[in-house]
Amino acid sequence: MIESGRDLLWCAAVLYTISFAFALSALVRNRLHNRPLFMVGLGIGLFLQSWGLYQRGMAVEGCPLGNPFEMIQFVTWSAMVLYFVIGPVFRMSLLGFFSAAMASVGGLASLAFPALDSEYEIGYFGGDAWIEAHAALAVFSYGIFGVLALTSLMYLSQNYGLKKQRGQGVFRFLPSIFELDQVNFRLLVLGVLIFSLSLIPGWAYWVNSQDTVTTFKLISTVAVWLAYLTLLIFRLLGQVSASRLSLIALFLFLVALLSLAPVDRSRYLPEQDGVENQEATS
């Protein structure tokens, strides 16, 4: 287990949890939480998480994306960064509530299982800035898809409330389904765009060094990209309803998280394994 930055990440996860509990307690009382206080809690949490990930990056001499623990942390960090950008712009108060829930669960779950924070080779990106950019952009796009899953959940909740003619409680704090549909579309476009950009250096690297990327990782990454791209095309053609898009976005995000597992295994190069085997037999 890599110890660098874990204390800061623990503090960030605890702050996210406290912020989420604070907002939840207000909603239970049929009130909207104190937004300035809530934002301060999330802001400090994001600062501590950023600092913790920075320390991890310095320790591993590269972008901290070498094991499942770091990838979960990076996805939740990306989602929180995006919330601070689009939350105020679209005036979506409850997006912070859902984002805090996601960051709390993801942060605490990743920290609670030390096996996820497995040791790996320092400098496993080999100092290649393009590959680091590919990995960072790809995982950041997963953070965007995470926020898309949250806004999709908000859409489905509001749609359910309208069908059941419920205008009280949490439903009255949610944006209109029209606004949520527009936000979902923009997030889908942004996520697909950044994911597509991340594949350019990744593809160029794979063409020249095919032995360094596992087949499973290649297939799973392309499959997730094609799934989101197909969803976007269907949305542009009007072939998928807003409700169905929200359901698919929730499902695809779970699939995207599962697809991160092969990334952890792909950092070991076959050439290195062969050298180690030769040394062991000599």
Protein backbone atom coordinates (compact mmCIF):
# COMPACT_ATOMS: atom_id res chain seq x y z
CA MET A 1 0.00 0.00 0.00
CA ILE A 2 1.26 3.48 -0.90
CA GLU A 3 1.01 5.73 2.16
CA SER A 4 1.70 9.08 0.51
CA GLY A 5 -1.31 11.41 0.60
CA ARG A 6 -3.68 8.94 2.27
CA ASP A 7 -4.20 11.09 5.38
CA LEU A 8 -5.26 14.05 3.26
CA LEU A 9 -7.58 11.85 1.20
CA TRP A 10 -9.12 10.51 4.42
CA CYS A 11 -9.76 14.06 5.61
CA ALA A 12 -11.31 14.97 2.24
CA ALA A 13 -13.60 11.92 2.32
CA VAL A 14 -14.72 12.74 5.87
CA LEU A 15 -15.48 16.35 4.88
CA TYR A 16 -17.49 15.16 1.88
CA THR A 17 -19.41 12.83 4.18
CA ILE A 18 -20.12 15.56 6.74
CA SER A 19 -21.26 17.92 3.97
CA PHE A 20 -23.54 15.24 2.53
CA ALA A 21 -25.01 14.46 5.97
CA PHE A 22 -25.56 18.18 6.57
CA ALA A 23 -27.49 18.56 3.29
CA LEU A 24 -29.41 15.33 3.88
CA SER A 25 -30.55 16.44 7.32
CA ALA A 26 -31.94 19.65 5.79
CA LEU A 27 -33.81 17.75 3.08
CA VAL A 28 -35.31 15.40 5.66
CA ARG A 29 -36.76 18.49 7.35
CA ASN A 30 -38.09 19.60 3.94
CA ARG A 31 -35.64 22.47 3.74
CA LEU A 32 -32.81 23.46 1.44
CA HIS A 33 -29.42 23.29 3.11
CA ASN A 34 -27.31 26.35 3.94
CA ARG A 35 -25.55 26.68 0.59
CA PRO A 36 -22.54 28.86 1.63
CA LEU A 37 -21.67 26.55 4.53
CA PHE A 38 -22.19 23.49 2.33
CA MET A 39 -19.93 24.91 -0.40
CA VAL A 40 -17.20 25.71 2.12
CA GLY A 41 -17.22 22.09 3.30
CA LEU A 42 -17.02 20.74 -0.24
CA GLY A 43 -14.41 23.34 -1.21
CA ILE A 44 -12.09 22.41 1.66
CA GLY A 45 -12.66 18.74 0.86
CA LEU A 46 -11.72 19.31 -2.78
CA PHE A 47 -8.61 21.25 -1.76
CA LEU A 48 -7.47 18.43 0.55
CA GLN A 49 -8.21 15.79 -2.08
CA SER A 50 -6.27 17.78 -4.69
CA TRP A 51 -3.34 18.12 -2.30
CA GLY A 52 -3.45 14.43 -1.49
CA LEU A 53 -3.47 13.44 -5.15
CA TYR A 54 -0.62 15.87 -5.81
CA GLN A 55 1.45 14.19 -3.09
CA ARG A 56 0.66 10.82 -4.62
CA GLY A 57 1.76 12.08 -8.01
CA MET A 58 5.06 13.32 -6.61
CA ALA A 59 5.62 10.01 -4.84
CA VAL A 60 4.96 7.85 -7.92
CA GLU A 61 6.62 10.33 -10.31
CA GLY A 62 3.61 10.60 -12.58
CA CYS A 63 -0.14 11.03 -12.73
CA PRO A 64 -1.61 8.98 -9.82
CA LEU A 65 -3.56 6.45 -11.86
CA GLY A 66 -1.64 3.28 -11.14
CA ASN A 67 -4.16 1.25 -9.14
CA PRO A 68 -7.93 1.03 -8.52
CA PHE A 69 -7.72 3.23 -5.41
CA GLU A 70 -6.12 6.13 -7.29
CA MET A 71 -8.49 5.81 -10.23
CA ILE A 72 -11.58 5.95 -7.98
CA GLN A 73 -10.13 8.97 -6.20
CA PHE A 74 -9.35 10.66 -9.54
CA VAL A 75 -12.88 10.02 -10.86
CA THR A 76 -14.50 11.50 -7.73
CA TRP A 77 -12.06 14.44 -7.83
CA SER A 78 -12.98 15.07 -11.48
CA ALA A 79 -16.69 15.00 -10.63
CA MET A 80 -16.21 17.50 -7.80
CA VAL A 81 -14.16 19.84 -10.00
CA LEU A 82 -16.87 19.71 -12.64
CA TYR A 83 -19.56 20.39 -10.04
CA PHE A 84 -17.82 23.60 -8.96
CA VAL A 85 -17.82 24.65 -12.63
CA ILE A 86 -21.33 23.72 -13.79
CA GLY A 87 -23.20 23.83 -10.48
CA PRO A 88 -23.22 27.64 -10.15
CA VAL A 89 -23.62 28.12 -13.92
CA PHE A 90 -26.79 26.05 -14.12
CA ARG A 91 -27.94 26.95 -10.60
CA MET A 92 -28.42 23.30 -9.69
CA SER A 93 -28.40 23.32 -5.89
CA LEU A 94 -29.08 19.61 -5.45
CA LEU A 95 -26.26 18.60 -7.81
CA GLY A 96 -23.90 19.39 -4.93
CA PHE A 97 -25.92 17.03 -2.71
CA PHE A 98 -25.59 14.16 -5.19
CA SER A 99 -21.94 15.01 -5.92
CA ALA A 100 -21.13 14.98 -2.21
CA ALA A 101 -22.82 11.58 -1.91
CA MET A 102 -20.75 10.22 -4.80
CA ALA A 103 -17.49 11.65 -3.44
CA SER A 104 -18.27 10.37 0.05
CA VAL A 105 -19.10 6.83 -1.03
CA GLY A 106 -16.27 6.61 -3.56
CA GLY A 107 -13.71 8.14 -1.23
CA LEU A 108 -14.56 6.11 1.86
CA ALA A 109 -15.00 2.85 -0.07
CA SER A 110 -11.62 3.18 -1.79
CA LEU A 111 -9.89 4.03 1.49
CA ALA A 112 -11.62 1.27 3.45
CA PHE A 113 -10.07 -1.50 1.33
CA PRO A 114 -6.25 -1.30 1.47
CA ALA A 115 -5.97 -3.99 -1.21
CA LEU A 116 -7.17 -1.44 -3.78
CA ASP A 117 -4.10 0.68 -3.07
CA SER A 118 -1.66 -1.91 -4.39
CA GLU A 119 2.02 -1.24 -4.92
CA TYR A 120 3.21 -0.59 -8.46
CA GLU A 121 6.34 0.45 -10.31
CA ILE A 122 7.38 4.06 -9.75
CA GLY A 123 7.31 6.10 -12.94
CA TYR A 124 5.25 3.44 -14.77
CA PHE A 125 4.34 5.94 -17.50
CA GLY A 126 8.03 6.04 -18.40
CA GLY A 127 8.14 9.82 -18.43
CA ASP A 128 5.94 9.94 -21.54
CA ALA A 129 3.84 13.10 -21.19
CA TRP A 130 1.50 12.04 -23.99
CA ILE A 131 0.58 8.79 -22.25
CA GLU A 132 0.03 10.63 -18.98
CA ALA A 133 -2.23 13.08 -20.81
CA HIS A 134 -4.12 10.18 -22.37
CA ALA A 135 -4.69 8.52 -19.00
CA ALA A 136 -5.63 11.75 -17.21
CA LEU A 137 -8.07 12.89 -19.91
CA ALA A 138 -9.67 9.45 -20.13
CA VAL A 139 -10.28 9.20 -16.39
CA PHE A 140 -11.38 12.85 -16.23
CA SER A 141 -14.00 12.05 -18.88
CA TYR A 142 -15.20 9.27 -16.57
CA GLY A 143 -15.67 11.96 -13.94
CA ILE A 144 -17.84 13.87 -16.43
CA PHE A 145 -19.84 10.70 -17.06
CA GLY A 146 -20.18 10.41 -13.29
CA VAL A 147 -21.76 13.87 -13.10
CA LEU A 148 -23.94 12.89 -16.07
CA ALA A 149 -25.11 9.89 -14.05
CA LEU A 150 -25.96 12.22 -11.15
CA THR A 151 -27.95 14.64 -13.32
CA SER A 152 -29.64 11.65 -14.95
CA LEU A 153 -30.68 10.46 -11.50
CA MET A 154 -32.04 13.95 -10.82
CA TYR A 155 -33.98 13.84 -14.10
CA LEU A 156 -35.50 10.44 -13.30
CA SER A 157 -36.42 11.63 -9.81
CA GLN A 158 -38.10 14.79 -11.11
CA ASN A 159 -39.87 12.85 -13.84
CA TYR A 160 -41.17 10.39 -11.25
CA GLY A 161 -42.36 13.25 -9.06
CA LEU A 162 -44.26 14.82 -11.96
CA LYS A 163 -45.94 11.55 -12.90
CA LYS A 164 -46.99 10.98 -9.29
CA GLN A 165 -47.97 14.66 -8.96
CA ARG A 166 -45.60 15.21 -6.08
CA GLY A 167 -44.39 18.77 -5.76
CA GLN A 168 -43.21 18.69 -2.17
CA GLY A 169 -40.06 17.51 -0.45
CA VAL A 170 -36.96 16.98 -2.54
CA PHE A 171 -38.92 17.33 -5.80
CA ARG A 172 -39.48 21.06 -5.32
CA PHE A 173 -35.73 21.65 -5.08
CA LEU A 174 -34.96 19.88 -8.35
CA PRO A 175 -34.58 21.81 -11.64
CA SER A 176 -37.21 21.29 -14.34
CA ILE A 177 -36.91 18.18 -16.51
CA PHE A 178 -36.28 20.46 -19.51
CA GLU A 179 -33.26 22.05 -17.81
CA LEU A 180 -31.98 18.65 -16.68
CA ASP A 181 -32.36 17.24 -20.19
CA GLN A 182 -30.30 20.12 -21.59
CA VAL A 183 -27.61 19.65 -18.95
CA ASN A 184 -27.50 15.90 -19.66
CA PHE A 185 -27.02 16.56 -23.36
CA ARG A 186 -24.20 19.06 -22.78
CA LEU A 187 -22.44 16.74 -20.34
CA LEU A 188 -22.73 13.87 -22.80
CA VAL A 189 -21.20 16.00 -25.57
CA LEU A 190 -18.38 17.18 -23.28
CA GLY A 191 -17.64 13.68 -21.99
CA VAL A 192 -17.53 12.13 -25.46
CA LEU A 193 -15.35 14.99 -26.75
CA ILE A 194 -12.75 14.68 -23.98
CA PHE A 195 -12.80 10.88 -24.11
CA SER A 196 -12.24 11.06 -27.89
CA LEU A 197 -9.34 13.47 -27.44
CA SER A 198 -7.77 11.13 -24.89
CA LEU A 199 -7.79 8.29 -27.41
CA ILE A 200 -5.62 10.14 -29.93
CA PRO A 201 -2.29 9.91 -28.04
CA GLY A 202 -3.35 6.53 -26.64
CA TRP A 203 -3.93 5.16 -30.13
CA ALA A 204 -0.63 6.56 -31.43
CA TYR A 205 1.21 4.93 -28.54
CA TRP A 206 -0.56 1.59 -29.05
CA VAL A 207 0.30 1.49 -32.76
CA ASN A 208 4.02 1.76 -31.93
CA SER A 209 3.99 -0.37 -28.76
CA GLN A 210 1.19 -2.90 -29.04
CA ASP A 211 2.80 -5.31 -26.57
CA THR A 212 2.49 -2.80 -23.70
CA VAL A 213 -1.33 -2.68 -23.77
CA THR A 214 -3.48 -5.66 -22.84
CA THR A 215 -6.15 -6.73 -25.29
CA PHE A 216 -8.78 -6.60 -22.55
CA LYS A 217 -7.92 -2.98 -21.73
CA LEU A 218 -8.01 -1.99 -25.39
CA ILE A 219 -11.37 -3.66 -26.02
CA SER A 220 -13.00 -2.36 -22.83
CA THR A 221 -11.83 1.22 -23.42
CA VAL A 222 -13.02 1.30 -27.03
CA ALA A 223 -16.31 -0.37 -26.04
CA VAL A 224 -17.07 2.32 -23.44
CA TRP A 225 -16.19 5.07 -25.91
CA LEU A 226 -18.39 3.55 -28.62
CA ALA A 227 -21.27 3.11 -26.17
CA TYR A 228 -21.26 6.79 -25.16
CA LEU A 229 -20.68 7.91 -28.76
CA THR A 230 -23.64 5.80 -29.92
CA LEU A 231 -25.80 7.26 -27.17
CA LEU A 232 -24.83 10.78 -28.29
CA ILE A 233 -25.61 10.01 -31.95
CA PHE A 234 -29.00 8.57 -31.02
CA ARG A 235 -29.70 11.70 -28.94
CA LEU A 236 -28.76 13.96 -31.84
CA LEU A 237 -31.02 11.98 -34.16
CA GLY A 238 -33.88 12.08 -31.68
CA GLN A 239 -33.95 8.29 -31.45
CA VAL A 240 -33.76 8.10 -27.66
CA SER A 241 -36.05 9.78 -25.15
CA ALA A 242 -34.73 11.87 -22.26
CA SER A 243 -35.87 9.25 -19.74
CA ARG A 244 -34.22 6.40 -21.59
CA LEU A 245 -31.04 8.43 -22.06
CA SER A 246 -30.91 8.97 -18.29
CA LEU A 247 -31.35 5.25 -17.59
CA ILE A 248 -28.67 4.31 -20.11
CA ALA A 249 -26.29 6.97 -18.74
CA LEU A 250 -26.63 5.49 -15.24
CA PHE A 251 -25.95 1.98 -16.55
CA LEU A 252 -23.03 3.03 -18.73
CA PHE A 253 -21.32 4.81 -15.85
CA LEU A 254 -21.35 1.60 -13.81
CA VAL A 255 -19.90 -0.24 -16.81
CA ALA A 256 -17.28 2.50 -17.25
CA LEU A 257 -16.16 2.12 -13.62
CA LEU A 258 -15.82 -1.64 -14.07
CA SER A 259 -13.79 -1.07 -17.23
CA LEU A 260 -11.13 0.75 -15.20
CA ALA A 261 -9.93 -2.56 -13.72
CA PRO A 262 -7.87 -3.59 -16.78
CA VAL A 263 -5.92 -0.32 -16.60
CA ASP A 264 -4.31 -1.51 -13.38
CA ARG A 265 -3.04 -4.69 -15.00
CA SER A 266 -1.70 -3.03 -18.16
CA ARG A 267 1.14 -1.18 -16.47
CA TYR A 268 3.39 -4.22 -16.46
CA LEU A 269 5.33 -4.51 -19.69
CA PRO A 270 5.89 -7.96 -21.23
CA GLU A 271 9.50 -7.07 -21.96
CA GLN A 272 10.10 -6.38 -18.27
CA ASP A 273 8.50 -9.68 -17.27
CA GLY A 274 10.71 -11.49 -19.74
CA VAL A 275 13.85 -9.86 -18.34
CA GLU A 276 12.83 -10.76 -14.80
CA ASN A 277 12.20 -14.36 -15.82
CA GLN A 278 15.61 -14.59 -17.46
CA GLU A 279 17.30 -13.21 -14.34
CA ALA A 280 15.42 -15.65 -12.15
CA THR A 281 16.51 -18.65 -14.25
CA SER A 282 20.14 -17.59 -14.68
